[in-house]
């Protein structure tokens, strides 16, 4: 079962942030 919703939630958010940062790097978002 899915236990520790918070854990899964922060994990999903962390993954999303990683993908977002990766996208910025690929698009040259780093200033």
Protein backbone atom coordinates (compact mmCIF):
# COMPACT_ATOMS: atom_id res chain seq x y z
CA UNK A 1 0.00 0.00 0.00
CA UNK A 2 0.96 3.64 -0.17
CA UNK A 3 2.06 4.67 3.30
CA UNK A 4 3.59 8.00 4.32
CA UNK A 5 1.78 10.29 1.92
CA UNK A 6 4.04 13.16 2.98
CA UNK A 7 7.11 11.18 1.99
CA UNK A 8 5.70 10.40 -1.44
CA UNK A 9 4.53 13.99 -1.77
CA UNK A 10 7.92 15.58 -1.05
CA UNK A 11 9.56 12.93 -3.24
CA UNK A 12 7.31 13.88 -6.16
CA UNK A 13 7.97 17.57 -5.57
CA UNK A 14 11.72 16.98 -5.39
CA UNK A 15 11.63 15.03 -8.66
CA UNK A 16 9.58 17.79 -10.30
CA UNK A 17 12.11 20.40 -9.16
CA UNK A 18 14.95 18.28 -10.54
CA UNK A 19 13.25 18.01 -13.93
CA UNK A 20 12.50 21.75 -13.89
CA UNK A 21 16.13 22.64 -13.15
CA UNK A 22 17.30 20.18 -15.80
CA UNK A 23 14.98 21.80 -18.35
CA UNK A 24 16.29 25.24 -17.44
CA UNK A 25 19.86 24.01 -17.89
CA UNK A 26 19.01 22.50 -21.29
CA UNK A 27 17.30 25.71 -22.40
CA UNK A 28 20.16 27.78 -20.98
CA UNK A 29 18.06 29.27 -18.19
CA UNK A 30 21.13 29.65 -15.99
CA UNK A 31 22.04 33.34 -15.83
